[in-house]
Amino acid sequence: SPIFRDEIKYVVINPTWTVPYSISTKEILPKIKRDPNYFASRDFDLKTSNGKFIDPSSVNWATITAKNFPFWLVQRPGPNNALGRVKIMFPNKHAVYLHDTPSKALFSKAERAFSHGCIRVENPFDFAEQLLGGGWNQEKFQQVLDQGKTKTLLLSKPMPVLLLYWTAMTTPEGVVHFYNDVYSRDKNIAEALDEPFRLDAPT
């Protein structure tokens, strides 16, 4: 995940997931070729580059490669959706956002770098309730979920969000915790600190 600052502006309940091109071609395309029922079993629709939905069975997948892949994969809302039942949006150039997940067991893992850049939230509806206010609660969220339709809810006031990457931090009690450097970013910092001090060093 990148490091940056932005503002949360809206929440989407029952989101669809339009799969990024790199994931479609590198990860999902091989699965489609192996499993003719891939689309039906995972609630995916197939959309052409001009926005028209077509029947996946009408495509000769043996001729499709990463170099000539002309489609968008769109996963319908529901319990199988990779984004879960809600996503929390702060539009940015990185296309990163917070979202629910159907893979709840991942939160029991010590290391959780499983996403492609977006960030899973363990209790997303609790967070959404705090963000939205205005009478939104778990009961109202459930009513929207039961309808099965995608619904966008605007925050009354944007909420600042800052994404950071820390491999060491302290608790309010002064206890220091260290974490694995899963992105290998500490190496660059360590190498820079080993360099001789220069007054004319670039900033």
Protein backbone atom coordinates (compact mmCIF):
# COMPACT_ATOMS: atom_id res chain seq x y z
CA SER A 1 0.00 0.00 0.00
CA PRO A 2 1.29 3.51 -0.76
CA ILE A 3 1.92 6.19 1.85
CA PHE A 4 -0.24 9.28 1.40
CA ARG A 5 -2.86 11.59 2.90
CA ASP A 6 -6.40 12.08 1.63
CA GLU A 7 -10.03 12.46 2.76
CA ILE A 8 -12.76 9.84 3.08
CA LYS A 9 -15.76 11.17 1.16
CA TYR A 10 -18.28 8.34 0.84
CA VAL A 11 -19.22 4.77 1.73
CA VAL A 12 -20.57 2.18 -0.71
CA ILE A 13 -22.77 -0.65 0.57
CA ASN A 14 -23.16 -3.77 -1.58
CA PRO A 15 -20.27 -2.74 -3.85
CA THR A 16 -19.41 -4.28 -7.17
CA TRP A 17 -15.74 -4.97 -7.91
CA THR A 18 -14.28 -4.06 -11.27
CA VAL A 19 -11.11 -6.12 -11.35
CA PRO A 20 -7.91 -4.22 -12.22
CA TYR A 21 -6.41 -5.22 -15.56
CA SER A 22 -3.24 -6.65 -14.02
CA ILE A 23 -5.20 -8.95 -11.70
CA SER A 24 -7.57 -9.99 -14.50
CA THR A 25 -4.76 -11.03 -16.82
CA LYS A 26 -2.16 -12.38 -14.41
CA GLU A 27 -4.33 -14.13 -11.82
CA ILE A 28 -7.88 -14.67 -13.07
CA LEU A 29 -7.39 -15.41 -16.77
CA PRO A 30 -5.53 -18.70 -16.09
CA LYS A 31 -8.34 -19.76 -13.73
CA ILE A 32 -10.98 -18.96 -16.37
CA LYS A 33 -9.15 -21.17 -18.85
CA ARG A 34 -9.05 -24.05 -16.36
CA ASP A 35 -12.62 -23.73 -15.09
CA PRO A 36 -15.53 -23.14 -17.51
CA ASN A 37 -17.79 -22.38 -14.53
CA TYR A 38 -15.50 -19.73 -13.04
CA PHE A 39 -17.82 -16.81 -13.82
CA ALA A 40 -20.96 -18.43 -12.42
CA SER A 41 -19.31 -19.85 -9.30
CA ARG A 42 -17.78 -16.50 -8.31
CA ASP A 43 -20.54 -14.12 -9.42
CA PHE A 44 -18.54 -12.46 -12.19
CA ASP A 45 -19.91 -10.72 -15.27
CA LEU A 46 -17.92 -10.02 -18.43
CA LYS A 47 -17.88 -6.55 -19.97
CA THR A 48 -16.32 -5.45 -23.24
CA SER A 49 -14.13 -2.37 -23.55
CA ASN A 50 -17.14 -0.39 -24.84
CA GLY A 51 -19.19 -1.24 -21.74
CA LYS A 52 -21.40 -4.01 -23.12
CA PHE A 53 -21.98 -7.11 -20.99
CA ILE A 54 -21.61 -10.39 -22.89
CA ASP A 55 -21.94 -14.11 -22.20
CA PRO A 56 -18.52 -15.50 -21.13
CA SER A 57 -19.31 -18.76 -22.94
CA SER A 58 -19.35 -16.84 -26.23
CA VAL A 59 -15.61 -16.17 -25.91
CA ASN A 60 -12.96 -18.57 -27.21
CA TRP A 61 -10.75 -18.30 -24.14
CA ALA A 62 -8.01 -20.40 -25.72
CA THR A 63 -7.22 -17.42 -27.95
CA ILE A 64 -7.18 -14.83 -25.14
CA THR A 65 -3.86 -13.84 -23.58
CA ALA A 66 -2.64 -11.03 -21.35
CA LYS A 67 -1.53 -9.15 -24.47
CA ASN A 68 -4.92 -9.18 -26.21
CA PHE A 69 -7.29 -9.23 -23.20
CA PRO A 70 -10.11 -6.83 -24.24
CA PHE A 71 -12.48 -7.24 -21.28
CA TRP A 72 -13.37 -5.98 -17.84
CA LEU A 73 -14.37 -8.45 -15.13
CA VAL A 74 -17.09 -7.18 -12.80
CA GLN A 75 -18.01 -9.07 -9.64
CA ARG A 76 -21.60 -8.62 -8.52
CA PRO A 77 -22.51 -7.52 -4.97
CA GLY A 78 -22.91 -10.28 -2.43
CA PRO A 79 -21.12 -12.48 0.10
CA ASN A 80 -18.61 -13.71 -2.51
CA ASN A 81 -17.50 -10.23 -3.53
CA ALA A 82 -13.78 -9.68 -2.92
CA LEU A 83 -14.57 -6.29 -1.35
CA GLY A 84 -17.07 -7.80 1.07
CA ARG A 85 -20.28 -5.89 1.73
CA VAL A 86 -18.93 -2.34 2.08
CA LYS A 87 -16.10 -0.15 0.84
CA ILE A 88 -14.93 3.19 2.23
CA MET A 89 -13.74 5.61 -0.41
CA PHE A 90 -11.17 8.40 -0.49
CA PRO A 91 -10.69 8.90 -4.27
CA ASN A 92 -6.98 9.05 -5.11
CA LYS A 93 -4.52 8.44 -7.94
CA HIS A 94 -3.47 5.11 -6.40
CA ALA A 95 -7.00 3.62 -6.62
CA VAL A 96 -6.63 2.54 -2.98
CA TYR A 97 -9.52 2.34 -0.52
CA LEU A 98 -10.69 0.56 2.63
CA HIS A 99 -13.03 -2.41 2.34
CA ASP A 100 -14.67 -5.38 3.98
CA THR A 101 -13.61 -8.91 3.05
CA PRO A 102 -15.24 -12.35 2.83
CA SER A 103 -11.93 -13.80 4.08
CA LYS A 104 -12.40 -12.93 7.76
CA ALA A 105 -9.90 -15.59 8.87
CA LEU A 106 -7.04 -13.47 7.51
CA PHE A 107 -7.38 -11.14 10.51
CA SER A 108 -6.11 -13.94 12.75
CA LYS A 109 -2.79 -13.94 10.88
CA ALA A 110 0.22 -12.18 12.38
CA GLU A 111 1.17 -10.81 8.95
CA ARG A 112 -1.64 -9.44 6.79
CA ALA A 113 -0.06 -8.19 3.57
CA PHE A 114 -2.53 -10.11 1.41
CA SER A 115 -4.14 -7.34 -0.65
CA HIS A 116 -2.91 -5.74 -3.87
CA GLY A 117 -2.75 -2.31 -2.25
CA CYS A 118 -6.21 -1.72 -0.82
CA ILE A 119 -6.75 -2.20 2.91
CA ARG A 120 -9.10 -4.70 4.53
CA VAL A 121 -11.01 -3.52 7.62
CA GLU A 122 -11.93 -6.05 10.30
CA ASN A 123 -15.15 -4.35 11.51
CA PRO A 124 -16.06 -2.14 8.53
CA PHE A 125 -19.67 -1.43 9.46
CA ASP A 126 -18.66 -0.22 12.92
CA PHE A 127 -16.25 2.14 11.21
CA ALA A 128 -18.85 3.21 8.64
CA GLU A 129 -21.31 3.94 11.44
CA GLN A 130 -18.79 6.30 13.05
CA LEU A 131 -18.03 7.99 9.74
CA LEU A 132 -21.62 8.53 8.62
CA GLY A 133 -23.43 9.34 11.85
CA GLY A 134 -26.85 10.78 11.13
CA GLY A 135 -28.75 7.79 12.45
CA TRP A 136 -26.89 5.15 10.47
CA ASN A 137 -26.58 2.00 12.56
CA GLN A 138 -26.20 -1.74 12.08
CA GLU A 139 -29.95 -2.22 11.60
CA LYS A 140 -30.11 0.33 8.78
CA PHE A 141 -27.02 -1.13 7.15
CA GLN A 142 -28.64 -4.57 7.24
CA GLN A 143 -31.77 -3.23 5.56
CA VAL A 144 -29.66 -1.94 2.66
CA LEU A 145 -27.73 -5.21 2.49
CA ASP A 146 -30.96 -7.19 2.33
CA GLN A 147 -32.12 -5.15 -0.66
CA GLY A 148 -29.05 -6.37 -2.55
CA LYS A 149 -28.60 -3.11 -4.45
CA THR A 150 -25.48 -0.95 -4.49
CA LYS A 151 -25.97 2.21 -2.42
CA THR A 152 -23.59 5.17 -2.05
CA LEU A 153 -23.70 7.23 1.15
CA LEU A 154 -21.93 10.60 1.32
CA LEU A 155 -20.24 11.76 4.51
CA SER A 156 -21.61 15.05 5.82
CA LYS A 157 -18.00 16.19 6.20
CA PRO A 158 -14.90 14.58 4.64
CA MET A 159 -12.74 12.67 7.12
CA PRO A 160 -8.94 12.99 6.82
CA VAL A 161 -7.09 9.70 6.40
CA LEU A 162 -3.33 9.15 6.55
CA LEU A 163 -1.80 5.88 5.36
CA LEU A 164 1.53 5.16 7.03
CA TYR A 165 4.03 2.32 7.03
CA TRP A 166 5.66 1.66 10.40
CA THR A 167 7.90 -1.26 11.32
CA ALA A 168 8.28 -0.02 14.90
CA MET A 169 5.87 1.80 17.18
CA THR A 170 5.21 2.39 20.86
CA THR A 171 2.02 1.94 22.85
CA PRO A 172 0.70 4.65 25.21
CA GLU A 173 2.30 2.59 27.99
CA GLY A 174 5.73 2.99 26.40
CA VAL A 175 6.05 -0.57 25.10
CA VAL A 176 7.90 -0.81 21.78
CA HIS A 177 6.58 -3.21 19.13
CA PHE A 178 8.58 -4.25 16.08
CA TYR A 179 7.09 -5.62 12.85
CA ASN A 180 8.52 -7.36 9.81
CA ASP A 181 9.50 -5.02 6.99
CA VAL A 182 7.21 -6.68 4.43
CA TYR A 183 7.86 -3.96 1.81
CA SER A 184 11.65 -3.88 2.40
CA ARG A 185 11.58 -0.12 2.88
CA ASP A 186 13.77 0.00 5.98
CA LYS A 187 16.79 -1.09 3.95
CA ASN A 188 16.82 2.19 2.02
CA ILE A 189 16.56 4.19 5.23
CA ALA A 190 19.37 2.21 6.87
CA GLU A 191 21.62 2.70 3.85
CA ALA A 192 20.92 6.44 3.83
CA LEU A 193 21.77 6.71 7.53
CA ASP A 194 25.10 4.97 6.90
CA GLU A 195 26.11 7.61 4.36
CA PRO A 196 28.56 10.31 5.53
CA PHE A 197 26.87 13.52 6.63
CA ARG A 198 26.89 16.24 3.92
CA LEU A 199 25.67 19.80 4.23
CA ASP A 200 24.92 19.86 0.50
CA ALA A 201 22.97 16.58 0.50
CA PRO A 202 19.76 16.73 -1.55
CA THR A 203 16.55 17.13 0.42
